[in-house]
Amino acid sequence: LVPPQRAQPGEAIPIALEWTPDEAIPQGYAAFVQLLSSTGELVAQADGEPGNGMVPFATIAPGQSQSDCRSILIPADAAPGTYRIIAGLYQRDNGRRLAVETGASPGADHLTLAEIEIVPSE
């Protein structure tokens, strides 16, 4: 699922992810999906494990795929502009993010999924 290219404050952005680990993921990891402003400020987020927390990452075998659907609610006071949607994994106990080994920025701590334009409410 590709997020919409435009949305309004107060709308929920649907996000569909597919996690396919190359190696076993230790217990204690969660995913983050964040909406960031053009200056990198965190505007909204949705954290957790796939299946609304019912499928811990540690149970996903290497090479096995796991769907993960969630949504990000755009705050009612979000200013118009271009925002980024990013995602990644982090350790719950210390917040440390896993490095990304694919995509445009290998070694980064997240993937950019999309850009979205927030437009004024009509």
C-alpha atoms as a PDB file:
ATOM      1  CA  LEU A   1       0.000   0.000   0.000  1.00  0.00           C
ATOM      2  CA  VAL A   2       1.413   3.351  -1.023  1.00  0.00           C
ATOM      3  CA  PRO A   3       0.387   6.226   1.258  1.00  0.00           C
ATOM      4  CA  PRO A   4      -1.609   9.017  -0.394  1.00  0.00           C
ATOM      5  CA  GLN A   5       0.412  11.847  -1.903  1.00  0.00           C
ATOM      6  CA  ARG A   6      -1.788  14.465  -0.225  1.00  0.00           C
ATOM      7  CA  ALA A   7      -3.692  14.495   3.049  1.00  0.00           C
ATOM      8  CA  GLN A   8      -5.313  16.923   5.436  1.00  0.00           C
ATOM      9  CA  PRO A   9      -4.846  17.520   9.152  1.00  0.00           C
ATOM     10  CA  GLY A  10      -6.942  15.078  11.175  1.00  0.00           C
ATOM     11  CA  GLU A  11      -6.718  12.308   8.566  1.00  0.00           C
ATOM     12  CA  ALA A  12      -5.135   8.917   9.195  1.00  0.00           C
ATOM     13  CA  ILE A  13      -2.418   7.800   6.768  1.00  0.00           C
ATOM     14  CA  PRO A  14      -2.609   4.039   6.137  1.00  0.00           C
ATOM     15  CA  ILE A  15       0.781   2.305   6.092  1.00  0.00           C
ATOM     16  CA  ALA A  16       1.299  -1.297   4.970  1.00  0.00           C
ATOM     17  CA  LEU A  17       4.736  -2.761   5.647  1.00  0.00           C
ATOM     18  CA  GLU A  18       6.271  -6.126   4.840  1.00  0.00           C
ATOM     19  CA  TRP A  19       9.088  -7.261   7.143  1.00  0.00           C
ATOM     20  CA  THR A  20      11.461  -9.941   5.789  1.00  0.00           C
ATOM     21  CA  PRO A  21      14.530 -10.273   8.038  1.00  0.00           C
ATOM     22  CA  ASP A  22      17.793 -11.579   6.591  1.00  0.00           C
ATOM     23  CA  GLU A  23      18.754 -12.960   9.999  1.00  0.00           C
ATOM     24  CA  ALA A  24      17.037 -13.702  13.290  1.00  0.00           C
ATOM     25  CA  ILE A  25      15.881 -10.633  15.197  1.00  0.00           C
ATOM     26  CA  PRO A  26      16.508 -10.885  18.950  1.00  0.00           C
ATOM     27  CA  GLN A  27      13.636 -10.371  21.368  1.00  0.00           C
ATOM     28  CA  GLY A  28      12.837  -6.850  22.464  1.00  0.00           C
ATOM     29  CA  TYR A  29      12.600  -5.074  19.097  1.00  0.00           C
ATOM     30  CA  ALA A  30       9.727  -2.899  17.917  1.00  0.00           C
ATOM     31  CA  ALA A  31       9.028  -1.036  14.694  1.00  0.00           C
ATOM     32  CA  PHE A  32       8.529   2.692  14.367  1.00  0.00           C
ATOM     33  CA  VAL A  33       6.728   4.552  11.623  1.00  0.00           C
ATOM     34  CA  GLN A  34       7.052   8.297  11.919  1.00  0.00           C
ATOM     35  CA  LEU A  35       5.746  11.399  10.195  1.00  0.00           C
ATOM     36  CA  LEU A  36       8.463  14.078  10.089  1.00  0.00           C
ATOM     37  CA  SER A  37       8.171  17.730   9.112  1.00  0.00           C
ATOM     38  CA  SER A  38      10.432  19.251   6.453  1.00  0.00           C
ATOM     39  CA  THR A  39      12.812  20.257   9.272  1.00  0.00           C
ATOM     40  CA  GLY A  40      12.925  16.702  10.675  1.00  0.00           C
ATOM     41  CA  GLU A  41      10.630  17.384  13.636  1.00  0.00           C
ATOM     42  CA  LEU A  42       8.613  14.371  14.811  1.00  0.00           C
ATOM     43  CA  VAL A  43       4.941  15.117  14.153  1.00  0.00           C
ATOM     44  CA  ALA A  44       3.271  11.710  14.696  1.00  0.00           C
ATOM     45  CA  GLN A  45       4.235   8.065  15.038  1.00  0.00           C
ATOM     46  CA  ALA A  46       2.980   4.506  15.367  1.00  0.00           C
ATOM     47  CA  ASP A  47       5.244   2.025  17.186  1.00  0.00           C
ATOM     48  CA  GLY A  48       4.881  -1.667  17.930  1.00  0.00           C
ATOM     49  CA  GLU A  49       5.249  -5.158  16.573  1.00  0.00           C
ATOM     50  CA  PRO A  50       3.376  -6.601  13.566  1.00  0.00           C
ATOM     51  CA  GLY A  51      -0.192  -7.800  13.969  1.00  0.00           C
ATOM     52  CA  ASN A  52      -1.026  -5.102  16.533  1.00  0.00           C
ATOM     53  CA  GLY A  53       1.669  -6.515  18.801  1.00  0.00           C
ATOM     54  CA  MET A  54       0.621 -10.141  18.353  1.00  0.00           C
ATOM     55  CA  VAL A  55       3.617 -11.167  16.200  1.00  0.00           C
ATOM     56  CA  PRO A  56       6.918 -10.431  17.980  1.00  0.00           C
ATOM     57  CA  PHE A  57       9.794  -9.806  15.586  1.00  0.00           C
ATOM     58  CA  ALA A  58      11.767 -12.593  17.303  1.00  0.00           C
ATOM     59  CA  THR A  59       9.223 -15.114  15.941  1.00  0.00           C
ATOM     60  CA  ILE A  60       9.745 -14.152  12.288  1.00  0.00           C
ATOM     61  CA  ALA A  61      12.203 -16.613  10.747  1.00  0.00           C
ATOM     62  CA  PRO A  62      14.914 -15.313   8.412  1.00  0.00           C
ATOM     63  CA  GLY A  63      13.521 -15.110   4.888  1.00  0.00           C
ATOM     64  CA  GLN A  64       9.922 -15.289   6.135  1.00  0.00           C
ATOM     65  CA  SER A  65       7.690 -12.296   5.377  1.00  0.00           C
ATOM     66  CA  GLN A  66       5.306 -10.708   7.853  1.00  0.00           C
ATOM     67  CA  SER A  67       2.704  -8.094   6.948  1.00  0.00           C
ATOM     68  CA  ASP A  68       2.317  -5.124   9.264  1.00  0.00           C
ATOM     69  CA  CYS A  69      -0.537  -2.650   8.776  1.00  0.00           C
ATOM     70  CA  ARG A  70      -0.842   0.496  10.839  1.00  0.00           C
ATOM     71  CA  SER A  71      -1.799   4.121  10.439  1.00  0.00           C
ATOM     72  CA  ILE A  72      -0.473   7.500  11.468  1.00  0.00           C
ATOM     73  CA  LEU A  73      -2.943  10.168  12.534  1.00  0.00           C
ATOM     74  CA  ILE A  74      -2.021  13.607  11.223  1.00  0.00           C
ATOM     75  CA  PRO A  75      -2.477  16.084  14.086  1.00  0.00           C
ATOM     76  CA  ALA A  76      -5.343  18.534  13.616  1.00  0.00           C
ATOM     77  CA  ASP A  77      -2.884  21.436  13.974  1.00  0.00           C
ATOM     78  CA  ALA A  78      -0.347  20.160  11.408  1.00  0.00           C
ATOM     79  CA  ALA A  79       0.874  22.998   9.211  1.00  0.00           C
ATOM     80  CA  PRO A  80       0.631  22.683   5.428  1.00  0.00           C
ATOM     81  CA  GLY A  81       3.825  21.465   3.807  1.00  0.00           C
ATOM     82  CA  THR A  82       5.862  18.469   2.719  1.00  0.00           C
ATOM     83  CA  TYR A  83       6.401  15.699   5.264  1.00  0.00           C
ATOM     84  CA  ARG A  84       8.362  12.423   5.202  1.00  0.00           C
ATOM     85  CA  ILE A  85       7.221   9.021   6.401  1.00  0.00           C
ATOM     86  CA  ILE A  86      10.073   6.889   7.769  1.00  0.00           C
ATOM     87  CA  ALA A  87      10.253   3.429   9.338  1.00  0.00           C
ATOM     88  CA  GLY A  88      12.738   1.191  11.104  1.00  0.00           C
ATOM     89  CA  LEU A  89      13.360  -1.057  14.114  1.00  0.00           C
ATOM     90  CA  TYR A  90      14.615  -0.208  17.586  1.00  0.00           C
ATOM     91  CA  GLN A  91      15.429  -1.964  20.850  1.00  0.00           C
ATOM     92  CA  ARG A  92      12.649  -1.334  23.347  1.00  0.00           C
ATOM     93  CA  ASP A  93      14.940  -1.280  26.397  1.00  0.00           C
ATOM     94  CA  ASN A  94      17.308   1.454  25.201  1.00  0.00           C
ATOM     95  CA  GLY A  95      15.794   3.007  22.058  1.00  0.00           C
ATOM     96  CA  ARG A  96      18.803   2.108  19.894  1.00  0.00           C
ATOM     97  CA  ARG A  97      17.816   1.736  16.249  1.00  0.00           C
ATOM     98  CA  LEU A  98      18.952  -1.075  13.975  1.00  0.00           C
ATOM     99  CA  ALA A  99      21.040  -0.026  10.986  1.00  0.00           C
ATOM    100  CA  VAL A 100      19.421  -0.324   7.564  1.00  0.00           C
ATOM    101  CA  GLU A 101      21.446  -2.354   5.103  1.00  0.00           C
ATOM    102  CA  THR A 102      19.382  -1.640   1.984  1.00  0.00           C
ATOM    103  CA  GLY A 103      17.979   1.373   0.219  1.00  0.00           C
ATOM    104  CA  ALA A 104      19.567   4.665  -0.701  1.00  0.00           C
ATOM    105  CA  SER A 105      21.383   5.126   2.615  1.00  0.00           C
ATOM    106  CA  PRO A 106      23.008   1.879   3.806  1.00  0.00           C
ATOM    107  CA  GLY A 107      23.931   2.148   7.479  1.00  0.00           C
ATOM    108  CA  ALA A 108      21.198   4.704   8.210  1.00  0.00           C
ATOM    109  CA  ASP A 109      18.868   4.007  11.126  1.00  0.00           C
ATOM    110  CA  HIS A 110      15.643   4.217   9.088  1.00  0.00           C
ATOM    111  CA  LEU A 111      14.142   3.948   5.616  1.00  0.00           C
ATOM    112  CA  THR A 112      12.228   6.783   3.996  1.00  0.00           C
ATOM    113  CA  LEU A 113       8.960   5.282   2.786  1.00  0.00           C
ATOM    114  CA  ALA A 114       7.299   8.271   1.157  1.00  0.00           C
ATOM    115  CA  GLU A 115       6.773  11.996   1.075  1.00  0.00           C
ATOM    116  CA  ILE A 116       3.320  13.405   1.631  1.00  0.00           C
ATOM    117  CA  GLU A 117       1.938  16.881   1.146  1.00  0.00           C
ATOM    118  CA  ILE A 118      -0.248  18.114   3.996  1.00  0.00           C
ATOM    119  CA  VAL A 119      -2.801  20.542   2.568  1.00  0.00           C
ATOM    120  CA  PRO A 120      -5.165  22.851   4.481  1.00  0.00           C
ATOM    121  CA  SER A 121      -8.514  21.413   5.515  1.00  0.00           C
ATOM    122  CA  GLU A 122     -11.310  22.348   3.172  1.00  0.00           C
END
